[in-house]
C-alpha atoms as a PDB file:
ATOM      1  CA  MET A   1       0.417   0.394  -0.154  1.00  0.00           C
ATOM      2  CA  ILE A   2       1.411   3.838  -0.996  1.00  0.00           C
ATOM      3  CA  GLU A   3       1.868   5.692   2.088  1.00  0.00           C
ATOM      4  CA  SER A   4       1.974   9.479   2.634  1.00  0.00           C
ATOM      5  CA  GLY A   5       4.789  10.666   1.730  1.00  0.00           C
ATOM      6  CA  GLN A   6       5.734   8.540  -1.192  1.00  0.00           C
ATOM      7  CA  VAL A   7       4.947   8.923  -4.607  1.00  0.00           C
ATOM      8  CA  TRP A   8       3.802   6.364  -7.189  1.00  0.00           C
ATOM      9  CA  ASN A   9       5.338   6.932 -10.779  1.00  0.00           C
ATOM     10  CA  LEU A  10       3.729   4.029 -13.414  1.00  0.00           C
ATOM     11  CA  GLU A  11       8.071   3.796 -14.936  1.00  0.00           C
ATOM     12  CA  PHE A  12       9.050   3.258 -11.165  1.00  0.00           C
ATOM     13  CA  GLY A  13       7.059   1.631  -8.767  1.00  0.00           C
ATOM     14  CA  ILE A  14       6.878   3.150  -5.190  1.00  0.00           C
ATOM     15  CA  LEU A  15       9.473   6.251  -4.033  1.00  0.00           C
ATOM     16  CA  ASN A  16       9.790   7.459  -1.091  1.00  0.00           C
ATOM     17  CA  PRO A  17      12.215  11.206  -1.152  1.00  0.00           C
ATOM     18  CA  ALA A  18      15.499   9.544  -0.279  1.00  0.00           C
ATOM     19  CA  SER A  19      14.788   7.083  -3.118  1.00  0.00           C
ATOM     20  CA  LEU A  20      14.240   9.743  -5.379  1.00  0.00           C
ATOM     21  CA  ARG A  21      17.451  11.368  -3.998  1.00  0.00           C
ATOM     22  CA  ALA A  22      18.862   8.376  -5.493  1.00  0.00           C
ATOM     23  CA  LEU A  23      17.072   8.173  -8.965  1.00  0.00           C
ATOM     24  CA  MET A  24      17.586  11.969  -9.325  1.00  0.00           C
ATOM     25  CA  HIS A  25      21.372  11.915  -9.047  1.00  0.00           C
ATOM     26  CA  LEU A  26      21.362   8.336 -10.855  1.00  0.00           C
ATOM     27  CA  LEU A  27      20.047   9.818 -14.277  1.00  0.00           C
ATOM     28  CA  GLU A  28      22.105  12.990 -13.963  1.00  0.00           C
ATOM     29  CA  THR A  29      25.647  11.405 -13.346  1.00  0.00           C
ATOM     30  CA  GLN A  30      24.117   8.733 -16.264  1.00  0.00           C
ATOM     31  CA  GLN A  31      22.527  11.073 -18.951  1.00  0.00           C
ATOM     32  CA  ARG A  32      24.650  14.061 -18.208  1.00  0.00           C
ATOM     33  CA  GLY A  33      26.009  16.964 -21.306  1.00  0.00           C
ATOM     34  CA  THR A  34      22.740  15.749 -22.802  1.00  0.00           C
ATOM     35  CA  ARG A  35      19.259  17.122 -23.594  1.00  0.00           C
ATOM     36  CA  ARG A  36      17.502  15.630 -22.344  1.00  0.00           C
ATOM     37  CA  ILE A  37      17.995  16.043 -18.323  1.00  0.00           C
ATOM     38  CA  ALA A  38      17.053  19.329 -18.353  1.00  0.00           C
ATOM     39  CA  SER A  39      13.557  17.653 -18.744  1.00  0.00           C
ATOM     40  CA  LEU A  40      14.716  14.518 -16.488  1.00  0.00           C
ATOM     41  CA  ARG A  41      15.887  17.267 -13.918  1.00  0.00           C
ATOM     42  CA  GLY A  42      12.031  19.111 -14.177  1.00  0.00           C
ATOM     43  CA  ILE A  43      10.273  15.353 -13.572  1.00  0.00           C
ATOM     44  CA  GLY A  44      12.945  14.424 -11.014  1.00  0.00           C
ATOM     45  CA  ALA A  45      12.167  18.192  -8.851  1.00  0.00           C
ATOM     46  CA  GLY A  46       8.459  17.917  -9.277  1.00  0.00           C
ATOM     47  CA  LEU A  47       8.338  13.767  -8.176  1.00  0.00           C
ATOM     48  CA  ILE A  48      10.481  14.961  -4.805  1.00  0.00           C
ATOM     49  CA  VAL A  49       8.310  17.881  -4.035  1.00  0.00           C
ATOM     50  CA  CYS A  50       5.602  15.351  -3.900  1.00  0.00           C
ATOM     51  CA  ALA A  51       7.285  13.316  -1.921  1.00  0.00           C
ATOM     52  CA  LEU A  52       8.280  15.544   0.593  1.00  0.00           C
ATOM     53  CA  ALA A  53       5.010  16.981   0.646  1.00  0.00           C
ATOM     54  CA  GLY A  54       3.351  13.880   1.314  1.00  0.00           C
ATOM     55  CA  SER A  55       1.449  14.342  -1.490  1.00  0.00           C
ATOM     56  CA  THR A  56       0.260  10.922  -3.611  1.00  0.00           C
ATOM     57  CA  GLN A  57      -0.530  12.764  -6.228  1.00  0.00           C
ATOM     58  CA  CYS A  58       1.958  14.480  -9.284  1.00  0.00           C
ATOM     59  CA  ALA A  59       1.761  16.062 -12.404  1.00  0.00           C
ATOM     60  CA  ALA A  60       5.059  16.287 -12.803  1.00  0.00           C
ATOM     61  CA  GLN A  61       6.902  19.586 -15.256  1.00  0.00           C
ATOM     62  CA  GLY A  62       6.984  18.357 -18.525  1.00  0.00           C
ATOM     63  CA  ALA A  63       5.382  15.317 -18.036  1.00  0.00           C
ATOM     64  CA  SER A  64       2.495  13.687 -19.357  1.00  0.00           C
ATOM     65  CA  PRO A  65      -0.280  13.734 -16.373  1.00  0.00           C
ATOM     66  CA  HIS A  66      -0.239  10.357 -15.172  1.00  0.00           C
ATOM     67  CA  LEU A  67      -2.628   9.094 -12.571  1.00  0.00           C
ATOM     68  CA  THR A  68      -1.987   8.958  -8.971  1.00  0.00           C
ATOM     69  CA  VAL A  69      -2.963   4.450  -7.641  1.00  0.00           C
ATOM     70  CA  LEU A  70      -4.951   4.793  -3.843  1.00  0.00           C
ATOM     71  CA  GLU A  71      -5.699   1.407  -1.746  1.00  0.00           C
ATOM     72  CA  GLY A  72      -8.609   0.775   0.616  1.00  0.00           C
ATOM     73  CA  LYS A  73     -11.135   0.019   1.789  1.00  0.00           C
ATOM     74  CA  LEU A  74     -14.093   1.899   0.292  1.00  0.00           C
ATOM     75  CA  LEU A  75     -17.265   3.629   2.305  1.00  0.00           C
ATOM     76  CA  THR A  76     -20.221   5.233   0.984  1.00  0.00           C
ATOM     77  CA  THR A  77     -22.070   8.097   3.543  1.00  0.00           C
ATOM     78  CA  LEU A  78     -25.629   8.957   4.447  1.00  0.00           C
ATOM     79  CA  GLY A  79     -25.304  10.982   1.256  1.00  0.00           C
ATOM     80  CA  ASP A  80     -24.342   7.882  -0.818  1.00  0.00           C
ATOM     81  CA  CYS A  81     -20.704  10.010  -1.213  1.00  0.00           C
ATOM     82  CA  PRO A  82     -18.791   6.656  -2.033  1.00  0.00           C
ATOM     83  CA  VAL A  83     -15.389   7.487  -0.493  1.00  0.00           C
ATOM     84  CA  LEU A  84     -12.232   5.120   0.619  1.00  0.00           C
ATOM     85  CA  GLN A  85     -10.530   4.760   3.620  1.00  0.00           C
ATOM     86  CA  ILE A  86      -6.696   4.957   3.403  1.00  0.00           C
ATOM     87  CA  GLN A  87      -5.513   4.751   7.268  1.00  0.00           C
ATOM     88  CA  GLU A  88      -7.850   6.329   8.954  1.00  0.00           C
ATOM     89  CA  LYS A  89      -8.293   9.394   6.804  1.00  0.00           C
ATOM     90  CA  ASP A  90     -11.306   9.356   4.561  1.00  0.00           C
ATOM     91  CA  GLN A  91     -10.666  10.631   0.832  1.00  0.00           C
ATOM     92  CA  PRO A  92     -14.159  11.813  -1.309  1.00  0.00           C
ATOM     93  CA  LEU A  93     -14.009   9.935  -5.166  1.00  0.00           C
ATOM     94  CA  SER A  94     -16.070  11.311  -7.640  1.00  0.00           C
ATOM     95  CA  ALA A  95     -16.304   9.844 -10.899  1.00  0.00           C
ATOM     96  CA  ASP A  96     -16.558  12.392 -14.830  1.00  0.00           C
ATOM     97  CA  THR A  97     -18.945   8.697 -15.967  1.00  0.00           C
ATOM     98  CA  THR A  98     -21.684   7.777 -14.273  1.00  0.00           C
ATOM     99  CA  TYR A  99     -21.148   3.680 -14.418  1.00  0.00           C
ATOM    100  CA  LEU A 100     -18.474   4.330 -11.729  1.00  0.00           C
ATOM    101  CA  PHE A 101     -19.852   6.473 -10.110  1.00  0.00           C
ATOM    102  CA  HIS A 102     -22.933   4.525  -9.841  1.00  0.00           C
ATOM    103  CA  THR A 103     -19.994   1.165  -9.303  1.00  0.00           C
ATOM    104  CA  LEU A 104     -18.018   3.405  -6.141  1.00  0.00           C
ATOM    105  CA  GLN A 105     -21.882   3.510  -5.173  1.00  0.00           C
ATOM    106  CA  ASP A 106     -22.775   0.179  -5.110  1.00  0.00           C
ATOM    107  CA  LYS A 107     -23.674  -1.206  -1.772  1.00  0.00           C
ATOM    108  CA  ARG A 108     -22.354  -4.083  -2.317  1.00  0.00           C
ATOM    109  CA  LEU A 109     -19.341  -3.201  -2.152  1.00  0.00           C
ATOM    110  CA  ALA A 110     -19.694  -1.560   0.632  1.00  0.00           C
ATOM    111  CA  ASN A 111     -15.893  -2.030   3.154  1.00  0.00           C
ATOM    112  CA  ARG A 112     -14.243  -3.611   0.549  1.00  0.00           C
ATOM    113  CA  GLU A 113     -10.202  -3.462  -0.147  1.00  0.00           C
ATOM    114  CA  VAL A 114     -10.494  -1.098  -3.408  1.00  0.00           C
ATOM    115  CA  ARG A 115      -7.592  -0.149  -5.892  1.00  0.00           C
ATOM    116  CA  VAL A 116      -8.644   3.200  -7.698  1.00  0.00           C
ATOM    117  CA  GLU A 117      -6.934   4.651 -10.397  1.00  0.00           C
ATOM    118  CA  GLY A 118      -7.056   8.862 -11.288  1.00  0.00           C
ATOM    119  CA  THR A 119      -6.691  12.613  -9.980  1.00  0.00           C
ATOM    120  CA  MET A 120      -6.463  14.529  -6.973  1.00  0.00           C
ATOM    121  CA  GLN A 121      -9.624  17.357  -7.650  1.00  0.00           C
ATOM    122  CA  GLY A 122      -9.495  20.817  -7.052  1.00  0.00           C
ATOM    123  CA  ASP A 123     -11.983  20.331  -4.450  1.00  0.00           C
ATOM    124  CA  GLY A 124     -10.637  18.094  -2.651  1.00  0.00           C
ATOM    125  CA  THR A 125     -11.873  14.993  -4.292  1.00  0.00           C
ATOM    126  CA  PHE A 126      -9.947  11.759  -6.494  1.00  0.00           C
ATOM    127  CA  GLU A 127     -12.055  11.293  -9.753  1.00  0.00           C
ATOM    128  CA  VAL A 128     -11.384   7.525 -10.621  1.00  0.00           C
ATOM    129  CA  GLU A 129     -10.853   6.801 -13.809  1.00  0.00           C
ATOM    130  CA  ARG A 130     -10.238   3.241 -13.005  1.00  0.00           C
ATOM    131  CA  PHE A 131     -11.054   0.937 -10.341  1.00  0.00           C
ATOM    132  CA  PHE A 132     -10.318  -2.884  -8.989  1.00  0.00           C
ATOM    133  CA  THR A 133     -11.793  -4.906  -6.165  1.00  0.00           C
ATOM    134  CA  VAL A 134      -8.455  -6.586  -4.378  1.00  0.00           C
ATOM    135  CA  LYS A 135      -8.280 -10.139  -2.949  1.00  0.00           C
ATOM    136  CA  GLU A 136      -5.809 -12.116  -1.863  1.00  0.00           C
ATOM    137  CA  GLY A 137      -3.067  -9.637  -3.824  1.00  0.00           C
ATOM    138  CA  GLY A 138      -4.846  -9.520  -7.166  1.00  0.00           C
ATOM    139  CA  LEU A 139      -6.920  -7.392  -8.413  1.00  0.00           C
ATOM    140  CA  TYR A 140     -10.285  -7.589 -10.077  1.00  0.00           C
ATOM    141  CA  ARG A 141     -12.853  -4.985 -12.415  1.00  0.00           C
ATOM    142  CA  VAL A 142     -15.895  -5.338 -11.662  1.00  0.00           C
ATOM    143  CA  ARG A 143     -18.731  -5.670 -14.354  1.00  0.00           C
ATOM    144  CA  TYR A 144     -22.693  -6.647 -13.593  1.00  0.00           C
ATOM    145  CA  PHE A 145     -24.107  -9.732 -15.390  1.00  0.00           C
ATOM    146  CA  CYS A 146     -26.962 -11.135 -16.553  1.00  0.00           C
ATOM    147  CA  LYS A 147     -27.504 -14.665 -16.032  1.00  0.00           C
ATOM    148  CA  THR A 148     -31.537 -15.394 -18.049  1.00  0.00           C
ATOM    149  CA  CYS A 149     -30.500 -12.744 -20.836  1.00  0.00           C
ATOM    150  CA  ASN A 150     -26.302 -13.518 -21.274  1.00  0.00           C
ATOM    151  CA  ILE A 151     -25.431  -9.436 -20.814  1.00  0.00           C
ATOM    152  CA  VAL A 152     -23.355  -8.070 -19.044  1.00  0.00           C
ATOM    153  CA  ALA A 153     -23.573  -3.932 -18.029  1.00  0.00           C
ATOM    154  CA  LEU A 154     -21.446  -1.627 -16.147  1.00  0.00           C
ATOM    155  CA  GLU A 155     -23.148  -0.496 -13.942  1.00  0.00           C
ATOM    156  CA  PRO A 156     -24.984  -1.835 -10.791  1.00  0.00           C
ATOM    157  CA  GLY A 157     -29.133  -1.608 -11.901  1.00  0.00           C
ATOM    158  CA  ASP A 158     -31.719  -3.705 -13.152  1.00  0.00           C
ATOM    159  CA  CYS A 159     -31.075  -5.829 -16.426  1.00  0.00           C
ATOM    160  CA  VAL A 160     -31.796  -3.943 -19.561  1.00  0.00           C
ATOM    161  CA  CYS A 161     -33.985  -6.692 -21.308  1.00  0.00           C
ATOM    162  CA  CYS A 162     -35.356  -8.591 -18.523  1.00  0.00           C
ATOM    163  CA  GLN A 163     -35.036  -6.095 -15.567  1.00  0.00           C
ATOM    164  CA  GLN A 164     -34.362  -8.556 -13.072  1.00  0.00           C
ATOM    165  CA  PRO A 165     -31.163  -7.620 -10.621  1.00  0.00           C
ATOM    166  CA  THR A 166     -27.860  -7.807 -12.149  1.00  0.00           C
ATOM    167  CA  GLU A 167     -24.991  -9.852 -10.026  1.00  0.00           C
ATOM    168  CA  LEU A 168     -22.266  -8.562  -9.314  1.00  0.00           C
ATOM    169  CA  GLN A 169     -19.184  -9.986 -11.002  1.00  0.00           C
ATOM    170  CA  GLU A 170     -14.978 -10.133  -9.879  1.00  0.00           C
ATOM    171  CA  ILE A 171     -12.738 -10.917 -12.995  1.00  0.00           C
ATOM    172  CA  PRO A 172      -8.946 -11.461 -12.339  1.00  0.00           C
ATOM    173  CA  VAL A 173      -6.546  -9.001 -14.413  1.00  0.00           C
ATOM    174  CA  SER A 174      -4.361 -11.407 -16.050  1.00  0.00           C
ATOM    175  CA  GLY A 175      -0.724 -11.013 -14.092  1.00  0.00           C
ATOM    176  CA  SER A 176      -1.840  -8.438 -11.741  1.00  0.00           C
ATOM    177  CA  THR A 177      -0.578  -8.812  -8.184  1.00  0.00           C
ATOM    178  CA  ASN A 178      -0.654  -5.720  -5.622  1.00  0.00           C
END
């Protein structure tokens, strides 16, 4: 699990401040004298600043935006606002697609360990772009299925054909480990 003061970078994995400094030193010594060093310094400086600030979300200068990874327990509050509990801290969640937001609100997923990938928003919410459940160190994607009609749906609710409730299914993500 990613802890405070660490940064998840899709290229290098989980990095703490000391690892970031060591990585930047190595990159600078290997790339000295090339034009690439300027962009590496910008990316590294952005990652170090974020790690030292304790942030788990970072958009480095000159780098294409990447998704931040958070893991914790999915909770639903009284107002149906999905919340991710990370080490006793509650992080409000949002999504720009209704099917993903409705999945986050599904009561069948309440109190489950999940992994979300997305970006921190200015209003303090974490906007989820990818969602997985976590079981025994493996990642699972969620889908909804009607056995009667053999129809897969993206969000919880009744089948669009027979109007019976859909079944929550968790499909292993091939090759996934935490």
